[in-house]
N, C-alpha and C. Protein backbone atom coordinates (compact mmCIF):
# COMPACT_ATOMS: atom_id res chain seq x y z
N UNK A 1 25.22 -27.32 20.40
CA UNK A 1 24.39 -26.29 19.85
C UNK A 1 25.20 -25.50 18.83
N UNK A 2 24.64 -25.27 17.66
CA UNK A 2 25.37 -24.56 16.62
C UNK A 2 25.11 -23.07 16.70
N UNK A 3 26.04 -22.31 16.12
CA UNK A 3 25.89 -20.86 16.07
C UNK A 3 24.90 -20.50 14.97
N UNK A 4 24.11 -19.42 15.17
CA UNK A 4 23.18 -19.02 14.12
C UNK A 4 23.96 -18.51 12.90
N UNK A 5 23.43 -18.71 11.72
CA UNK A 5 24.12 -18.25 10.52
C UNK A 5 24.31 -16.73 10.55
N UNK A 6 25.39 -16.30 9.97
CA UNK A 6 25.74 -14.88 9.95
C UNK A 6 24.66 -14.05 9.25
N UNK A 7 24.07 -14.59 8.19
CA UNK A 7 23.03 -13.88 7.45
C UNK A 7 21.83 -13.58 8.35
N UNK A 8 21.43 -14.56 9.15
CA UNK A 8 20.30 -14.40 10.06
C UNK A 8 20.58 -13.29 11.08
N UNK A 9 21.76 -13.27 11.63
CA UNK A 9 22.15 -12.24 12.60
C UNK A 9 22.17 -10.87 11.93
N UNK A 10 22.66 -10.80 10.70
CA UNK A 10 22.72 -9.53 9.97
C UNK A 10 21.31 -8.99 9.70
N UNK A 11 20.39 -9.86 9.35
CA UNK A 11 19.00 -9.44 9.09
C UNK A 11 18.36 -8.91 10.37
N UNK A 12 18.54 -9.60 11.47
CA UNK A 12 17.98 -9.15 12.75
C UNK A 12 18.59 -7.81 13.15
N UNK A 13 19.88 -7.63 12.96
CA UNK A 13 20.55 -6.37 13.28
C UNK A 13 20.01 -5.25 12.40
N UNK A 14 19.82 -5.51 11.11
CA UNK A 14 19.28 -4.50 10.20
C UNK A 14 17.87 -4.08 10.61
N UNK A 15 17.04 -5.04 10.96
CA UNK A 15 15.68 -4.73 11.42
C UNK A 15 15.73 -3.87 12.68
N UNK A 16 16.59 -4.21 13.61
CA UNK A 16 16.71 -3.43 14.85
C UNK A 16 17.17 -2.00 14.57
N UNK A 17 18.14 -1.83 13.66
CA UNK A 17 18.64 -0.50 13.33
C UNK A 17 17.54 0.33 12.66
N UNK A 18 16.83 -0.26 11.70
CA UNK A 18 15.76 0.48 11.01
C UNK A 18 14.61 0.83 11.95
N UNK A 19 14.25 -0.07 12.85
CA UNK A 19 13.18 0.22 13.80
C UNK A 19 13.58 1.35 14.75
N UNK A 20 14.82 1.33 15.20
CA UNK A 20 15.31 2.39 16.09
C UNK A 20 15.34 3.72 15.37
N UNK A 21 15.79 3.71 14.12
CA UNK A 21 15.82 4.94 13.32
C UNK A 21 14.41 5.51 13.14
N UNK A 22 13.46 4.65 12.84
CA UNK A 22 12.06 5.08 12.66
C UNK A 22 11.50 5.67 13.96
N UNK A 23 11.80 5.03 15.08
CA UNK A 23 11.34 5.51 16.39
C UNK A 23 11.84 6.93 16.66
N UNK A 24 13.14 7.16 16.47
CA UNK A 24 13.70 8.48 16.74
C UNK A 24 13.20 9.53 15.75
N UNK A 25 12.94 9.14 14.51
CA UNK A 25 12.39 10.08 13.53
C UNK A 25 10.97 10.52 13.94
N UNK A 26 10.18 9.56 14.42
CA UNK A 26 8.83 9.89 14.89
C UNK A 26 8.87 10.81 16.11
N UNK A 27 9.77 10.52 17.05
CA UNK A 27 9.90 11.37 18.24
C UNK A 27 10.33 12.77 17.85
N UNK A 28 11.24 12.89 16.87
CA UNK A 28 11.70 14.20 16.42
C UNK A 28 10.54 14.98 15.78
N UNK A 29 9.71 14.32 14.96
CA UNK A 29 8.58 14.98 14.33
C UNK A 29 7.57 15.44 15.39
N UNK A 30 7.32 14.63 16.40
CA UNK A 30 6.43 15.01 17.49
C UNK A 30 6.96 16.24 18.22
N UNK A 31 8.25 16.29 18.48
CA UNK A 31 8.85 17.43 19.17
C UNK A 31 8.74 18.69 18.32
N UNK A 32 8.96 18.57 17.00
CA UNK A 32 8.82 19.73 16.10
C UNK A 32 7.38 20.22 16.09
N UNK A 33 6.42 19.32 16.06
CA UNK A 33 5.01 19.71 16.09
C UNK A 33 4.66 20.41 17.40
N UNK A 34 5.20 19.92 18.51
CA UNK A 34 4.93 20.55 19.80
C UNK A 34 5.47 21.98 19.86
N UNK A 35 6.62 22.23 19.22
CA UNK A 35 7.23 23.56 19.22
C UNK A 35 6.61 24.51 18.21
N UNK A 36 5.96 23.97 17.19
CA UNK A 36 5.41 24.79 16.11
C UNK A 36 4.21 25.61 16.60
N UNK A 37 4.05 26.81 16.05
CA UNK A 37 2.89 27.62 16.41
C UNK A 37 1.62 27.07 15.75
N UNK A 38 0.48 27.35 16.35
CA UNK A 38 -0.80 26.96 15.78
C UNK A 38 -1.05 27.86 14.57
N UNK A 39 -1.51 27.27 13.47
CA UNK A 39 -1.83 28.08 12.30
C UNK A 39 -3.20 27.69 11.77
N UNK A 40 -3.88 28.69 11.24
CA UNK A 40 -5.22 28.50 10.69
C UNK A 40 -5.20 28.82 9.20
N UNK A 41 -5.84 27.98 8.42
CA UNK A 41 -5.91 28.17 6.97
C UNK A 41 -7.35 28.05 6.51
N UNK A 42 -7.73 28.88 5.55
CA UNK A 42 -9.03 28.74 4.91
C UNK A 42 -8.87 27.72 3.80
N UNK A 43 -9.65 26.63 3.87
CA UNK A 43 -9.47 25.52 2.94
C UNK A 43 -10.81 25.00 2.43
N UNK A 44 -10.70 24.20 1.38
CA UNK A 44 -11.83 23.43 0.85
C UNK A 44 -11.43 21.97 0.90
N UNK A 45 -12.35 21.12 1.32
CA UNK A 45 -12.08 19.68 1.34
C UNK A 45 -12.22 19.18 -0.09
N UNK A 46 -11.09 18.84 -0.71
CA UNK A 46 -11.13 18.42 -2.11
C UNK A 46 -11.31 16.92 -2.27
N UNK A 47 -10.93 16.14 -1.26
CA UNK A 47 -11.10 14.69 -1.36
C UNK A 47 -11.05 14.09 0.04
N UNK A 48 -11.74 13.00 0.20
CA UNK A 48 -11.64 12.21 1.44
C UNK A 48 -11.86 10.76 1.09
N UNK A 49 -11.09 9.90 1.72
CA UNK A 49 -11.19 8.48 1.39
C UNK A 49 -10.81 7.62 2.59
N UNK A 50 -11.45 6.47 2.65
CA UNK A 50 -11.13 5.46 3.66
C UNK A 50 -10.52 4.29 2.91
N UNK A 51 -9.28 3.98 3.22
CA UNK A 51 -8.53 2.94 2.51
C UNK A 51 -8.21 1.81 3.48
N UNK A 52 -8.45 0.56 3.09
CA UNK A 52 -8.08 -0.55 3.97
C UNK A 52 -6.58 -0.52 4.27
N UNK A 53 -6.21 -0.85 5.50
CA UNK A 53 -4.81 -0.82 5.90
C UNK A 53 -3.99 -1.78 5.05
N UNK A 54 -4.50 -2.98 4.81
CA UNK A 54 -3.78 -3.95 4.00
C UNK A 54 -4.38 -3.99 2.61
N UNK A 55 -3.52 -3.98 1.61
CA UNK A 55 -3.99 -4.04 0.22
C UNK A 55 -3.55 -5.34 -0.42
N UNK A 56 -3.52 -6.40 0.34
CA UNK A 56 -3.00 -7.66 -0.17
C UNK A 56 -4.03 -8.50 -0.90
N UNK A 57 -5.28 -8.16 -0.76
CA UNK A 57 -6.32 -8.97 -1.40
C UNK A 57 -6.66 -8.42 -2.77
N UNK A 58 -7.34 -9.23 -3.55
CA UNK A 58 -7.75 -8.83 -4.90
C UNK A 58 -8.78 -7.70 -4.82
N UNK A 59 -8.81 -6.82 -5.81
CA UNK A 59 -9.76 -5.70 -5.78
C UNK A 59 -11.22 -6.13 -5.83
N UNK A 60 -11.50 -7.36 -6.28
CA UNK A 60 -12.88 -7.81 -6.37
C UNK A 60 -13.42 -8.32 -5.05
N UNK A 61 -12.60 -8.36 -4.02
CA UNK A 61 -13.04 -8.94 -2.75
C UNK A 61 -14.12 -8.09 -2.09
N UNK A 62 -14.88 -8.72 -1.23
CA UNK A 62 -15.90 -8.01 -0.46
C UNK A 62 -15.25 -7.43 0.79
N UNK A 63 -15.66 -6.22 1.20
CA UNK A 63 -15.06 -5.64 2.41
C UNK A 63 -15.42 -6.43 3.66
N UNK A 64 -14.48 -6.51 4.58
CA UNK A 64 -14.71 -7.19 5.84
C UNK A 64 -15.46 -6.26 6.79
N UNK A 65 -16.15 -6.83 7.75
CA UNK A 65 -16.98 -6.03 8.65
C UNK A 65 -16.14 -5.07 9.49
N UNK A 66 -15.14 -5.57 10.19
CA UNK A 66 -14.33 -4.73 11.07
C UNK A 66 -12.90 -4.59 10.54
N UNK A 67 -12.79 -4.35 9.25
CA UNK A 67 -11.47 -4.21 8.63
C UNK A 67 -10.84 -2.89 9.06
N UNK A 68 -9.59 -2.90 9.49
CA UNK A 68 -8.92 -1.64 9.87
C UNK A 68 -8.73 -0.75 8.65
N UNK A 69 -8.98 0.55 8.84
CA UNK A 69 -8.93 1.50 7.73
C UNK A 69 -8.00 2.66 8.06
N UNK A 70 -7.44 3.26 7.01
CA UNK A 70 -6.74 4.54 7.11
C UNK A 70 -7.68 5.59 6.55
N UNK A 71 -7.87 6.68 7.28
CA UNK A 71 -8.78 7.74 6.87
C UNK A 71 -7.96 8.94 6.44
N UNK A 72 -8.08 9.32 5.16
CA UNK A 72 -7.28 10.41 4.61
C UNK A 72 -8.20 11.50 4.07
N UNK A 73 -7.80 12.75 4.32
CA UNK A 73 -8.54 13.90 3.81
C UNK A 73 -7.54 14.82 3.12
N UNK A 74 -7.93 15.34 1.94
CA UNK A 74 -7.09 16.28 1.21
C UNK A 74 -7.76 17.65 1.27
N UNK A 75 -7.02 18.63 1.78
CA UNK A 75 -7.50 20.00 1.89
C UNK A 75 -6.79 20.86 0.85
N UNK A 76 -7.55 21.72 0.15
CA UNK A 76 -6.96 22.66 -0.80
C UNK A 76 -7.10 24.07 -0.23
N UNK A 77 -5.98 24.78 -0.03
CA UNK A 77 -6.07 26.15 0.48
C UNK A 77 -6.84 27.05 -0.49
N UNK A 78 -7.73 27.88 0.04
CA UNK A 78 -8.53 28.78 -0.78
C UNK A 78 -7.64 29.80 -1.46
N UNK A 79 -6.62 30.27 -0.78
CA UNK A 79 -5.73 31.30 -1.32
C UNK A 79 -4.67 30.72 -2.25
N UNK A 80 -4.78 29.46 -2.60
CA UNK A 80 -3.81 28.83 -3.47
C UNK A 80 -2.70 28.18 -2.66
N UNK A 81 -1.90 27.42 -3.34
CA UNK A 81 -0.83 26.72 -2.66
C UNK A 81 -0.99 25.22 -2.81
N UNK A 82 -0.07 24.50 -2.20
CA UNK A 82 -0.04 23.05 -2.31
C UNK A 82 -1.13 22.41 -1.45
N UNK A 83 -1.75 21.35 -1.99
CA UNK A 83 -2.75 20.60 -1.23
C UNK A 83 -2.13 20.00 0.02
N UNK A 84 -2.95 19.86 1.05
CA UNK A 84 -2.51 19.29 2.33
C UNK A 84 -3.24 17.97 2.51
N UNK A 85 -2.48 16.87 2.54
CA UNK A 85 -3.07 15.54 2.74
C UNK A 85 -2.77 15.10 4.16
N UNK A 86 -3.82 14.78 4.91
CA UNK A 86 -3.67 14.37 6.31
C UNK A 86 -4.35 13.04 6.56
N UNK A 87 -3.75 12.25 7.42
CA UNK A 87 -4.36 11.00 7.87
C UNK A 87 -4.99 11.27 9.23
N UNK A 88 -6.29 10.98 9.34
CA UNK A 88 -7.04 11.29 10.56
C UNK A 88 -7.55 10.02 11.21
N UNK A 89 -8.02 10.19 12.44
CA UNK A 89 -8.71 9.11 13.13
C UNK A 89 -10.17 9.11 12.66
N UNK A 90 -10.85 7.99 12.84
CA UNK A 90 -12.21 7.87 12.32
C UNK A 90 -13.14 8.94 12.88
N UNK A 91 -13.03 9.23 14.17
CA UNK A 91 -13.92 10.22 14.79
C UNK A 91 -13.63 11.64 14.26
N UNK A 92 -12.43 11.91 13.76
CA UNK A 92 -12.12 13.20 13.15
C UNK A 92 -12.58 13.22 11.70
N UNK A 93 -12.51 12.08 11.04
CA UNK A 93 -12.82 11.95 9.61
C UNK A 93 -14.32 12.03 9.33
N UNK A 94 -15.13 11.36 10.14
CA UNK A 94 -16.56 11.23 9.85
C UNK A 94 -17.32 12.54 9.67
N UNK A 95 -17.14 13.57 10.52
CA UNK A 95 -17.95 14.79 10.34
C UNK A 95 -17.52 15.67 9.16
N UNK A 96 -16.39 15.40 8.54
CA UNK A 96 -15.90 16.24 7.44
C UNK A 96 -16.58 15.81 6.14
N UNK A 97 -17.16 16.78 5.45
CA UNK A 97 -17.86 16.51 4.19
C UNK A 97 -17.00 16.96 3.01
N UNK A 98 -16.99 16.16 1.94
CA UNK A 98 -16.25 16.53 0.74
C UNK A 98 -16.88 17.78 0.13
N UNK A 99 -16.06 18.74 -0.26
CA UNK A 99 -16.55 19.99 -0.85
C UNK A 99 -16.80 21.08 0.18
N UNK A 100 -16.73 20.75 1.47
CA UNK A 100 -16.97 21.75 2.52
C UNK A 100 -15.83 22.76 2.57
N UNK A 101 -16.18 24.00 2.87
CA UNK A 101 -15.18 25.05 3.08
C UNK A 101 -15.16 25.39 4.55
N UNK A 102 -13.98 25.76 5.04
CA UNK A 102 -13.89 26.10 6.44
C UNK A 102 -12.47 26.41 6.85
N UNK A 103 -12.23 26.36 8.16
CA UNK A 103 -10.94 26.69 8.74
C UNK A 103 -10.26 25.43 9.23
N UNK A 104 -9.06 25.20 8.72
CA UNK A 104 -8.23 24.07 9.15
C UNK A 104 -7.21 24.59 10.14
N UNK A 105 -7.19 24.02 11.33
CA UNK A 105 -6.20 24.38 12.34
C UNK A 105 -5.16 23.27 12.42
N UNK A 106 -3.89 23.68 12.32
CA UNK A 106 -2.78 22.74 12.36
C UNK A 106 -1.69 23.26 13.28
N UNK A 107 -0.93 22.33 13.83
CA UNK A 107 0.25 22.67 14.62
C UNK A 107 1.39 21.87 14.01
N UNK A 108 2.24 22.53 13.23
CA UNK A 108 3.28 21.82 12.48
C UNK A 108 2.59 21.01 11.40
N UNK A 109 2.82 19.70 11.41
CA UNK A 109 2.15 18.81 10.45
C UNK A 109 0.99 18.07 11.11
N UNK A 110 0.66 18.41 12.33
CA UNK A 110 -0.38 17.74 13.11
C UNK A 110 -1.74 18.40 12.89
N UNK A 111 -2.75 17.59 12.57
CA UNK A 111 -4.13 18.05 12.45
C UNK A 111 -4.66 18.36 13.84
N UNK A 112 -5.26 19.56 14.01
CA UNK A 112 -5.87 19.91 15.29
C UNK A 112 -7.40 19.89 15.15
N UNK A 113 -7.92 20.63 14.15
CA UNK A 113 -9.36 20.63 13.96
C UNK A 113 -9.71 21.20 12.58
N UNK A 114 -10.95 20.94 12.17
CA UNK A 114 -11.53 21.54 10.96
C UNK A 114 -12.90 22.01 11.34
N UNK A 115 -13.15 23.31 11.12
CA UNK A 115 -14.45 23.89 11.40
C UNK A 115 -15.07 24.34 10.08
N UNK A 116 -16.16 23.69 9.68
CA UNK A 116 -16.82 24.02 8.41
C UNK A 116 -17.62 25.30 8.58
N UNK A 117 -17.65 26.09 7.49
CA UNK A 117 -18.47 27.30 7.48
C UNK A 117 -19.89 26.90 7.17
N UNK A 118 -20.84 27.55 7.83
CA UNK A 118 -22.26 27.19 7.57
C UNK A 118 -22.74 27.59 6.20
């Protein structure tokens, strides 16, 4: 039995190091969000979009029935400031209407809720 090539071992080691680094970065962000205070902002929904997870197909293709999607909403603070772009789950994304004004509740960088004003 021959030994695996050094290049192959190096690639596997690099993948393992990057995956471990990503895991710990995500855990650190979760811990920071848990420690952060809840904050409320008056915002306007400036954009919302559902983007297919994979963008490998040609733009002329027809959408698949159960294609996985990323749901993104962009909130603009009423009092000015930088736009807030958040990725939401479908059940959080669906009730939000573009152009709606309301209160955005966040904990750190984590979306908690959006309550539209009537």
